All heavy atoms as atom14 arrays in JSON, in Angstrom:
{
  "sequence": "KGRFTISRDNAKNTLYLQMNSLKPEDTAVYYCNTLSQSYTWGQ",
  "atom14_mask": [
    [1, 1, 1, 1, 1, 1, 1, 1, 1, 0, 0, 0, 0, 0],
    [1, 1, 1, 1, 0, 0, 0, 0, 0, 0, 0, 0, 0, 0],
    [1, 1, 1, 1, 1, 1, 1, 1, 1, 1, 1, 0, 0, 0],
    [1, 1, 1, 1, 1, 1, 1, 1, 1, 1, 1, 0, 0, 0],
    [1, 1, 1, 1, 1, 1, 1, 0, 0, 0, 0, 0, 0, 0],
    [1, 1, 1, 1, 1, 1, 1, 1, 0, 0, 0, 0, 0, 0],
    [1, 1, 1, 1, 1, 1, 0, 0, 0, 0, 0, 0, 0, 0],
    [1, 1, 1, 1, 1, 1, 1, 1, 1, 1, 1, 0, 0, 0],
    [1, 1, 1, 1, 1, 1, 1, 1, 0, 0, 0, 0, 0, 0],
    [1, 1, 1, 1, 1, 1, 1, 1, 0, 0, 0, 0, 0, 0],
    [1, 1, 1, 1, 1, 0, 0, 0, 0, 0, 0, 0, 0, 0],
    [1, 1, 1, 1, 1, 1, 1, 1, 1, 0, 0, 0, 0, 0],
    [1, 1, 1, 1, 1, 1, 1, 1, 0, 0, 0, 0, 0, 0],
    [1, 1, 1, 1, 1, 1, 1, 0, 0, 0, 0, 0, 0, 0],
    [1, 1, 1, 1, 1, 1, 1, 1, 0, 0, 0, 0, 0, 0],
    [1, 1, 1, 1, 1, 1, 1, 1, 1, 1, 1, 1, 0, 0],
    [1, 1, 1, 1, 1, 1, 1, 1, 0, 0, 0, 0, 0, 0],
    [1, 1, 1, 1, 1, 1, 1, 1, 1, 0, 0, 0, 0, 0],
    [1, 1, 1, 1, 1, 1, 1, 1, 0, 0, 0, 0, 0, 0],
    [1, 1, 1, 1, 1, 1, 1, 1, 0, 0, 0, 0, 0, 0],
    [1, 1, 1, 1, 1, 1, 0, 0, 0, 0, 0, 0, 0, 0],
    [1, 1, 1, 1, 1, 1, 1, 1, 0, 0, 0, 0, 0, 0],
    [1, 1, 1, 1, 1, 1, 1, 1, 1, 0, 0, 0, 0, 0],
    [1, 1, 1, 1, 1, 1, 1, 0, 0, 0, 0, 0, 0, 0],
    [1, 1, 1, 1, 1, 1, 1, 1, 1, 0, 0, 0, 0, 0],
    [1, 1, 1, 1, 1, 1, 1, 1, 0, 0, 0, 0, 0, 0],
    [1, 1, 1, 1, 1, 1, 1, 0, 0, 0, 0, 0, 0, 0],
    [1, 1, 1, 1, 1, 0, 0, 0, 0, 0, 0, 0, 0, 0],
    [1, 1, 1, 1, 1, 1, 1, 0, 0, 0, 0, 0, 0, 0],
    [1, 1, 1, 1, 1, 1, 1, 1, 1, 1, 1, 1, 0, 0],
    [1, 1, 1, 1, 1, 1, 1, 1, 1, 1, 1, 1, 0, 0],
    [1, 1, 1, 1, 1, 1, 0, 0, 0, 0, 0, 0, 0, 0],
    [1, 1, 1, 1, 1, 1, 1, 1, 0, 0, 0, 0, 0, 0],
    [1, 1, 1, 1, 1, 1, 1, 0, 0, 0, 0, 0, 0, 0],
    [1, 1, 1, 1, 1, 1, 1, 1, 0, 0, 0, 0, 0, 0],
    [1, 1, 1, 1, 1, 1, 0, 0, 0, 0, 0, 0, 0, 0],
    [1, 1, 1, 1, 1, 1, 1, 1, 1, 0, 0, 0, 0, 0],
    [1, 1, 1, 1, 1, 1, 0, 0, 0, 0, 0, 0, 0, 0],
    [1, 1, 1, 1, 1, 1, 1, 1, 1, 1, 1, 1, 0, 0],
    [1, 1, 1, 1, 1, 1, 1, 0, 0, 0, 0, 0, 0, 0],
    [1, 1, 1, 1, 1, 1, 1, 1, 1, 1, 1, 1, 1, 1],
    [1, 1, 1, 1, 0, 0, 0, 0, 0, 0, 0, 0, 0, 0],
    [1, 1, 1, 1, 1, 1, 1, 1, 1, 0, 0, 0, 0, 0]
  ],
  "atom14_positions": [
    [[-1.18, 11.04, -5.72], [0.16, 11.63, -5.89], [0.3, 12.9, -5.08], [-0.59, 13.75, -5.07], [0.42, 11.9, -7.38], [1.86, 12.19, -7.71], [2.07, 12.22, -9.2], [3.54, 12.36, -9.56], [3.77, 12.34, -11.02], [0.0, 0.0, 0.0], [0.0, 0.0, 0.0], [0.0, 0.0, 0.0], [0.0, 0.0, 0.0], [0.0, 0.0, 0.0]],
    [[1.41, 12.98, -4.36], [1.65, 14.15, -3.52], [1.13, 13.99, -2.1], [1.48, 14.78, -1.22], [0.0, 0.0, 0.0], [0.0, 0.0, 0.0], [0.0, 0.0, 0.0], [0.0, 0.0, 0.0], [0.0, 0.0, 0.0], [0.0, 0.0, 0.0], [0.0, 0.0, 0.0], [0.0, 0.0, 0.0], [0.0, 0.0, 0.0], [0.0, 0.0, 0.0]],
    [[0.31, 12.96, -1.87], [-0.23, 12.72, -0.53], [0.22, 11.38, 0.05], [0.38, 11.26, 1.26], [-1.77, 12.73, -0.57], [-2.36, 14.05, -1.07], [-3.89, 14.05, -0.94], [-4.52, 13.01, -1.75], [-5.27, 12.04, -1.26], [-5.49, 11.95, 0.05], [-5.82, 11.14, -2.07], [0.0, 0.0, 0.0], [0.0, 0.0, 0.0], [0.0, 0.0, 0.0]],
    [[0.42, 10.39, -0.8], [0.83, 9.05, -0.36], [2.29, 8.81, -0.72], [2.78, 9.3, -1.75], [-0.02, 7.97, -1.04], [-1.46, 7.9, -0.6], [-2.04, 8.89, 0.18], [-2.24, 6.82, -0.97], [-3.36, 8.81, 0.58], [-3.57, 6.72, -0.58], [-4.13, 7.73, 0.19], [0.0, 0.0, 0.0], [0.0, 0.0, 0.0], [0.0, 0.0, 0.0]],
    [[2.97, 8.03, 0.12], [4.35, 7.64, -0.14], [4.49, 6.14, 0.11], [4.23, 5.67, 1.22], [5.33, 8.39, 0.75], [5.19, 9.8, 0.54], [6.77, 8.0, 0.41], [0.0, 0.0, 0.0], [0.0, 0.0, 0.0], [0.0, 0.0, 0.0], [0.0, 0.0, 0.0], [0.0, 0.0, 0.0], [0.0, 0.0, 0.0], [0.0, 0.0, 0.0]],
    [[4.9, 5.41, -0.92], [5.11, 3.97, -0.79], [6.59, 3.72, -0.54], [7.46, 4.42, -1.08], [4.63, 3.22, -2.05], [4.7, 1.7, -1.84], [5.41, 3.66, -3.29], [4.06, 0.9, -2.97], [0.0, 0.0, 0.0], [0.0, 0.0, 0.0], [0.0, 0.0, 0.0], [0.0, 0.0, 0.0], [0.0, 0.0, 0.0], [0.0, 0.0, 0.0]],
    [[6.88, 2.74, 0.3], [8.27, 2.37, 0.56], [8.33, 0.89, 0.9], [7.31, 0.28, 1.23], [8.85, 3.21, 1.69], [8.15, 3.0, 2.9], [0.0, 0.0, 0.0], [0.0, 0.0, 0.0], [0.0, 0.0, 0.0], [0.0, 0.0, 0.0], [0.0, 0.0, 0.0], [0.0, 0.0, 0.0], [0.0, 0.0, 0.0], [0.0, 0.0, 0.0]],
    [[9.52, 0.35, 0.81], [9.71, -1.06, 1.12], [10.96, -1.24, 1.93], [11.96, -0.52, 1.71], [9.76, -1.9, -0.16], [10.92, -1.57, -1.09], [10.74, -2.18, -2.48], [10.85, -3.63, -2.46], [10.58, -4.4, -3.52], [10.19, -3.85, -4.66], [10.71, -5.72, -3.45], [0.0, 0.0, 0.0], [0.0, 0.0, 0.0], [0.0, 0.0, 0.0]],
    [[10.93, -2.19, 2.85], [12.11, -2.56, 3.63], [12.39, -4.01, 3.28], [11.77, -4.93, 3.82], [11.84, -2.38, 5.13], [13.08, -2.62, 5.96], [13.96, -3.41, 5.54], [13.18, -2.03, 7.06], [0.0, 0.0, 0.0], [0.0, 0.0, 0.0], [0.0, 0.0, 0.0], [0.0, 0.0, 0.0], [0.0, 0.0, 0.0], [0.0, 0.0, 0.0]],
    [[13.32, -4.22, 2.36], [13.58, -5.58, 1.9], [14.13, -6.48, 3.0], [13.85, -7.67, 3.04], [14.55, -5.55, 0.71], [13.91, -4.95, -0.53], [12.7, -5.03, -0.74], [14.74, -4.33, -1.36], [0.0, 0.0, 0.0], [0.0, 0.0, 0.0], [0.0, 0.0, 0.0], [0.0, 0.0, 0.0], [0.0, 0.0, 0.0], [0.0, 0.0, 0.0]],
    [[14.87, -5.92, 3.92], [15.44, -6.71, 5.01], [14.35, -7.24, 5.93], [14.47, -8.32, 6.51], [16.44, -5.88, 5.8], [0.0, 0.0, 0.0], [0.0, 0.0, 0.0], [0.0, 0.0, 0.0], [0.0, 0.0, 0.0], [0.0, 0.0, 0.0], [0.0, 0.0, 0.0], [0.0, 0.0, 0.0], [0.0, 0.0, 0.0], [0.0, 0.0, 0.0]],
    [[13.27, -6.47, 6.06], [12.17, -6.87, 6.93], [11.02, -7.5, 6.15], [9.99, -7.85, 6.74], [11.64, -5.66, 7.71], [12.64, -5.07, 8.7], [12.02, -3.91, 9.48], [13.0, -3.35, 10.49], [12.41, -2.21, 11.25], [0.0, 0.0, 0.0], [0.0, 0.0, 0.0], [0.0, 0.0, 0.0], [0.0, 0.0, 0.0], [0.0, 0.0, 0.0]],
    [[11.17, -7.62, 4.82], [10.09, -8.16, 3.99], [8.78, -7.42, 4.21], [7.71, -8.03, 4.32], [9.89, -9.65, 4.26], [10.97, -10.5, 3.63], [11.43, -10.22, 2.53], [11.39, -11.52, 4.34], [0.0, 0.0, 0.0], [0.0, 0.0, 0.0], [0.0, 0.0, 0.0], [0.0, 0.0, 0.0], [0.0, 0.0, 0.0], [0.0, 0.0, 0.0]],
    [[8.86, -6.1, 4.28], [7.68, -5.31, 4.6], [7.52, -4.16, 3.63], [8.5, -3.52, 3.23], [7.77, -4.78, 6.04], [7.93, -5.88, 6.94], [6.5, -4.03, 6.43], [0.0, 0.0, 0.0], [0.0, 0.0, 0.0], [0.0, 0.0, 0.0], [0.0, 0.0, 0.0], [0.0, 0.0, 0.0], [0.0, 0.0, 0.0], [0.0, 0.0, 0.0]],
    [[6.27, -3.9, 3.28], [5.9, -2.8, 2.41], [5.06, -1.81, 3.21], [4.25, -2.22, 4.05], [5.07, -3.35, 1.23], [4.71, -2.42, 0.09], [5.95, -2.1, -0.73], [3.65, -3.09, -0.78], [0.0, 0.0, 0.0], [0.0, 0.0, 0.0], [0.0, 0.0, 0.0], [0.0, 0.0, 0.0], [0.0, 0.0, 0.0], [0.0, 0.0, 0.0]],
    [[5.25, -0.52, 2.96], [4.54, 0.51, 3.72], [3.83, 1.46, 2.76], [4.21, 1.62, 1.6], [5.51, 1.32, 4.57], [6.31, 0.52, 5.54], [7.62, 0.13, 5.24], [5.78, 0.14, 6.78], [8.38, -0.61, 6.14], [6.53, -0.6, 7.67], [7.82, -0.97, 7.35], [8.56, -1.71, 8.25], [0.0, 0.0, 0.0], [0.0, 0.0, 0.0]],
    [[2.8, 2.12, 3.31], [2.13, 3.18, 2.55], [1.83, 4.33, 3.53], [0.89, 4.23, 4.33], [0.85, 2.69, 1.9], [0.16, 3.7, 0.98], [1.04, 3.97, -0.25], [-1.22, 3.21, 0.53], [0.0, 0.0, 0.0], [0.0, 0.0, 0.0], [0.0, 0.0, 0.0], [0.0, 0.0, 0.0], [0.0, 0.0, 0.0], [0.0, 0.0, 0.0]],
    [[2.62, 5.37, 3.47], [2.35, 6.55, 4.29], [1.29, 7.37, 3.59], [1.48, 7.82, 2.46], [3.63, 7.37, 4.47], [3.43, 8.65, 5.28], [3.07, 8.36, 6.72], [3.69, 7.54, 7.37], [2.04, 9.05, 7.23], [0.0, 0.0, 0.0], [0.0, 0.0, 0.0], [0.0, 0.0, 0.0], [0.0, 0.0, 0.0], [0.0, 0.0, 0.0]],
    [[0.16, 7.56, 4.27], [-0.96, 8.28, 3.68], [-1.2, 9.56, 4.48], [-1.54, 9.49, 5.67], [-2.22, 7.4, 3.69], [-2.03, 6.06, 3.02], [-3.57, 5.15, 2.77], [-4.06, 4.91, 4.46], [0.0, 0.0, 0.0], [0.0, 0.0, 0.0], [0.0, 0.0, 0.0], [0.0, 0.0, 0.0], [0.0, 0.0, 0.0], [0.0, 0.0, 0.0]],
    [[-1.02, 10.69, 3.86], [-1.23, 11.99, 4.49], [-2.38, 12.71, 3.81], [-2.8, 12.36, 2.72], [0.04, 12.83, 4.38], [1.22, 12.21, 5.11], [1.06, 11.5, 6.1], [2.42, 12.46, 4.6], [0.0, 0.0, 0.0], [0.0, 0.0, 0.0], [0.0, 0.0, 0.0], [0.0, 0.0, 0.0], [0.0, 0.0, 0.0], [0.0, 0.0, 0.0]],
    [[-2.87, 13.75, 4.46], [-3.95, 14.58, 3.91], [-5.09, 13.71, 3.39], [-5.57, 13.9, 2.26], [-3.4, 15.47, 2.79], [-2.34, 16.28, 3.27], [0.0, 0.0, 0.0], [0.0, 0.0, 0.0], [0.0, 0.0, 0.0], [0.0, 0.0, 0.0], [0.0, 0.0, 0.0], [0.0, 0.0, 0.0], [0.0, 0.0, 0.0], [0.0, 0.0, 0.0]],
    [[-5.52, 12.78, 4.21], [-6.53, 11.83, 3.77], [-7.87, 12.51, 3.51], [-8.25, 13.48, 4.18], [-6.69, 10.72, 4.81], [-5.59, 9.66, 4.76], [-5.52, 8.86, 6.04], [-5.79, 8.74, 3.57], [0.0, 0.0, 0.0], [0.0, 0.0, 0.0], [0.0, 0.0, 0.0], [0.0, 0.0, 0.0], [0.0, 0.0, 0.0], [0.0, 0.0, 0.0]],
    [[-8.57, 11.97, 2.51], [-9.87, 12.49, 2.09], [-10.93, 11.39, 2.24], [-10.58, 10.2, 2.19], [-9.8, 12.93, 0.63], [-8.73, 13.94, 0.31], [-8.67, 14.23, -1.18], [-7.59, 15.23, -1.53], [-7.53, 15.49, -2.99], [0.0, 0.0, 0.0], [0.0, 0.0, 0.0], [0.0, 0.0, 0.0], [0.0, 0.0, 0.0], [0.0, 0.0, 0.0]],
    [[-12.18, 11.77, 2.36], [-13.23, 10.74, 2.45], [-13.2, 9.76, 1.27], [-13.5, 8.57, 1.45], [-14.52, 11.57, 2.46], [-14.12, 12.86, 3.1], [-12.73, 13.12, 2.6], [0.0, 0.0, 0.0], [0.0, 0.0, 0.0], [0.0, 0.0, 0.0], [0.0, 0.0, 0.0], [0.0, 0.0, 0.0], [0.0, 0.0, 0.0], [0.0, 0.0, 0.0]],
    [[-12.8, 10.23, 0.11], [-12.76, 9.35, -1.06], [-11.61, 8.34, -1.0], [-11.51, 7.47, -1.87], [-12.69, 10.15, -2.36], [-11.61, 11.21, -2.39], [-12.13, 12.6, -2.02], [-12.92, 12.71, -1.04], [-11.72, 13.57, -2.7], [0.0, 0.0, 0.0], [0.0, 0.0, 0.0], [0.0, 0.0, 0.0], [0.0, 0.0, 0.0], [0.0, 0.0, 0.0]],
    [[-10.74, 8.46, -0.02], [-9.69, 7.45, 0.18], [-10.21, 6.24, 0.96], [-9.49, 5.25, 1.13], [-8.5, 8.05, 0.94], [-7.79, 9.14, 0.15], [-7.59, 8.95, -1.06], [-7.43, 10.17, 0.76], [0.0, 0.0, 0.0], [0.0, 0.0, 0.0], [0.0, 0.0, 0.0], [0.0, 0.0, 0.0], [0.0, 0.0, 0.0], [0.0, 0.0, 0.0]],
    [[-11.44, 6.33, 1.45], [-12.02, 5.22, 2.2], [-12.11, 3.97, 1.32], [-12.68, 4.01, 0.23], [-13.43, 5.6, 2.71], [-13.31, 6.67, 3.65], [-14.11, 4.41, 3.36], [0.0, 0.0, 0.0], [0.0, 0.0, 0.0], [0.0, 0.0, 0.0], [0.0, 0.0, 0.0], [0.0, 0.0, 0.0], [0.0, 0.0, 0.0], [0.0, 0.0, 0.0]],
    [[-11.5, 2.89, 1.8], [-11.44, 1.65, 1.03], [-10.72, 0.58, 1.86], [-10.16, 0.89, 2.91], [-10.67, 1.86, -0.28], [0.0, 0.0, 0.0], [0.0, 0.0, 0.0], [0.0, 0.0, 0.0], [0.0, 0.0, 0.0], [0.0, 0.0, 0.0], [0.0, 0.0, 0.0], [0.0, 0.0, 0.0], [0.0, 0.0, 0.0], [0.0, 0.0, 0.0]],
    [[-10.75, -0.64, 1.35], [-9.88, -1.69, 1.89], [-8.6, -1.66, 1.07], [-8.64, -1.66, -0.17], [-10.54, -3.07, 1.82], [-9.6, -4.14, 2.39], [-11.86, -3.06, 2.59], [0.0, 0.0, 0.0], [0.0, 0.0, 0.0], [0.0, 0.0, 0.0], [0.0, 0.0, 0.0], [0.0, 0.0, 0.0], [0.0, 0.0, 0.0], [0.0, 0.0, 0.0]],
    [[-7.48, -1.62, 1.76], [-6.18, -1.52, 1.11], [-5.48, -2.88, 1.16], [-5.43, -3.53, 2.21], [-5.33, -0.45, 1.78], [-5.77, 0.94, 1.4], [-6.95, 1.47, 1.89], [-5.0, 1.73, 0.53], [-7.38, 2.75, 1.53], [-5.42, 3.0, 0.16], [-6.6, 3.5, 0.66], [-7.02, 4.76, 0.3], [0.0, 0.0, 0.0], [0.0, 0.0, 0.0]],
    [[-4.91, -3.27, 0.01], [-4.23, -4.55, -0.15], [-2.84, -4.31, -0.76], [-2.63, -3.34, -1.47], [-4.98, -5.44, -1.12], [-6.43, -5.73, -0.81], [-7.43, -4.86, -1.22], [-6.8, -6.89, -0.13], [-8.77, -5.13, -0.95], [-8.12, -7.17, 0.14], [-9.11, -6.28, -0.27], [-10.41, -6.55, 0.0], [0.0, 0.0, 0.0], [0.0, 0.0, 0.0]],
    [[-1.95, -5.26, -0.51], [-0.68, -5.23, -1.23], [-0.58, -6.49, -2.1], [-1.19, -7.52, -1.81], [0.51, -5.15, -0.28], [0.8, -6.63, 0.69], [0.0, 0.0, 0.0], [0.0, 0.0, 0.0], [0.0, 0.0, 0.0], [0.0, 0.0, 0.0], [0.0, 0.0, 0.0], [0.0, 0.0, 0.0], [0.0, 0.0, 0.0], [0.0, 0.0, 0.0]],
    [[0.18, -6.37, -3.17], [0.4, -7.49, -4.06], [1.53, -7.11, -5.01], [1.99, -5.97, -5.04], [-0.87, -7.82, -4.86], [-0.97, -9.29, -5.22], [0.03, -9.91, -5.61], [-2.15, -9.87, -5.07], [0.0, 0.0, 0.0], [0.0, 0.0, 0.0], [0.0, 0.0, 0.0], [0.0, 0.0, 0.0], [0.0, 0.0, 0.0], [0.0, 0.0, 0.0]],
    [[1.99, -8.07, -5.78], [2.96, -7.78, -6.81], [2.26, -7.03, -7.94], [1.02, -6.99, -8.0], [3.59, -9.06, -7.35], [2.59, -9.79, -8.07], [4.14, -9.92, -6.22], [0.0, 0.0, 0.0], [0.0, 0.0, 0.0], [0.0, 0.0, 0.0], [0.0, 0.0, 0.0], [0.0, 0.0, 0.0], [0.0, 0.0, 0.0], [0.0, 0.0, 0.0]],
    [[3.04, -6.45, -8.84], [2.42, -5.73, -9.95], [1.63, -6.65, -10.86], [0.64, -6.25, -11.47], [3.5, -4.98, -10.73], [3.03, -3.75, -11.51], [2.43, -2.72, -10.56], [4.19, -3.14, -12.29], [0.0, 0.0, 0.0], [0.0, 0.0, 0.0], [0.0, 0.0, 0.0], [0.0, 0.0, 0.0], [0.0, 0.0, 0.0], [0.0, 0.0, 0.0]],
    [[2.06, -7.91, -10.93], [1.34, -8.89, -11.73], [0.27, -9.63, -10.94], [-0.35, -10.57, -11.43], [2.33, -9.91, -12.31], [3.01, -10.57, -11.26], [0.0, 0.0, 0.0], [0.0, 0.0, 0.0], [0.0, 0.0, 0.0], [0.0, 0.0, 0.0], [0.0, 0.0, 0.0], [0.0, 0.0, 0.0], [0.0, 0.0, 0.0], [0.0, 0.0, 0.0]],
    [[0.08, -9.19, -9.69], [-0.94, -9.78, -8.81], [-0.74, -11.28, -8.64], [-1.69, -12.06, -8.66], [-2.35, -9.47, -9.32], [-2.62, -7.98, -9.44], [-3.99, -7.65, -9.96], [-4.92, -8.46, -9.9], [-4.15, -6.45, -10.49], [0.0, 0.0, 0.0], [0.0, 0.0, 0.0], [0.0, 0.0, 0.0], [0.0, 0.0, 0.0], [0.0, 0.0, 0.0]],
    [[0.52, -11.68, -8.46], [0.84, -13.1, -8.37], [0.63, -13.68, -6.98], [0.62, -14.9, -6.82], [2.28, -13.33, -8.82], [3.17, -12.59, -8.01], [0.0, 0.0, 0.0], [0.0, 0.0, 0.0], [0.0, 0.0, 0.0], [0.0, 0.0, 0.0], [0.0, 0.0, 0.0], [0.0, 0.0, 0.0], [0.0, 0.0, 0.0], [0.0, 0.0, 0.0]],
    [[0.51, -12.83, -5.97], [0.23, -13.31, -4.62], [-1.26, -13.64, -4.48], [-2.1, -13.07, -5.19], [0.58, -12.26, -3.58], [2.04, -12.06, -3.29], [2.47, -11.06, -2.43], [3.03, -12.87, -3.85], [3.81, -10.87, -2.14], [4.37, -12.67, -3.56], [4.75, -11.66, -2.72], [6.07, -11.47, -2.42], [0.0, 0.0, 0.0], [0.0, 0.0, 0.0]],
    [[-1.56, -14.51, -3.55], [-2.94, -14.68, -3.14], [-3.36, -13.42, -2.38], [-2.61, -12.95, -1.52], [-3.09, -15.92, -2.22], [-2.69, -17.09, -2.94], [-4.52, -16.08, -1.75], [0.0, 0.0, 0.0], [0.0, 0.0, 0.0], [0.0, 0.0, 0.0], [0.0, 0.0, 0.0], [0.0, 0.0, 0.0], [0.0, 0.0, 0.0], [0.0, 0.0, 0.0]],
    [[-4.54, -12.9, -2.68], [-4.97, -11.68, -2.02], [-5.17, -11.94, -0.52], [-5.75, -12.94, -0.11], [-6.27, -11.16, -2.62], [-6.09, -10.61, -4.0], [-6.4, -11.24, -5.18], [-5.52, -9.35, -4.36], [-6.07, -10.44, -6.24], [-5.53, -9.26, -5.78], [-5.02, -8.27, -3.63], [-5.05, -8.16, -6.48], [-4.53, -7.18, -4.33], [-4.56, -7.11, -5.73]],
    [[-4.67, -11.01, 0.31], [-4.86, -11.09, 1.74], [-6.21, -10.51, 2.13], [-7.06, -10.22, 1.28], [0.0, 0.0, 0.0], [0.0, 0.0, 0.0], [0.0, 0.0, 0.0], [0.0, 0.0, 0.0], [0.0, 0.0, 0.0], [0.0, 0.0, 0.0], [0.0, 0.0, 0.0], [0.0, 0.0, 0.0], [0.0, 0.0, 0.0], [0.0, 0.0, 0.0]],
    [[-6.4, -10.32, 3.43], [-7.66, -9.78, 3.94], [-7.75, -8.27, 3.76], [-8.84, -7.7, 3.78], [-7.8, -10.11, 5.43], [-7.96, -11.6, 5.7], [-9.2, -12.16, 5.06], [-10.3, -11.66, 5.23], [-9.03, -13.24, 4.28], [0.0, 0.0, 0.0], [0.0, 0.0, 0.0], [0.0, 0.0, 0.0], [0.0, 0.0, 0.0], [0.0, 0.0, 0.0]]
  ]
}
């Protein structure tokens, strides 16, 4: 909170995550999904 900003462009069917002030503990694989995790997980 305060460093990341999530947004969506419904017209483009695209989800974004602006990540600022990154820290070593942010190191990870990042995925998108619905809140109920109904999509098949991507790479």
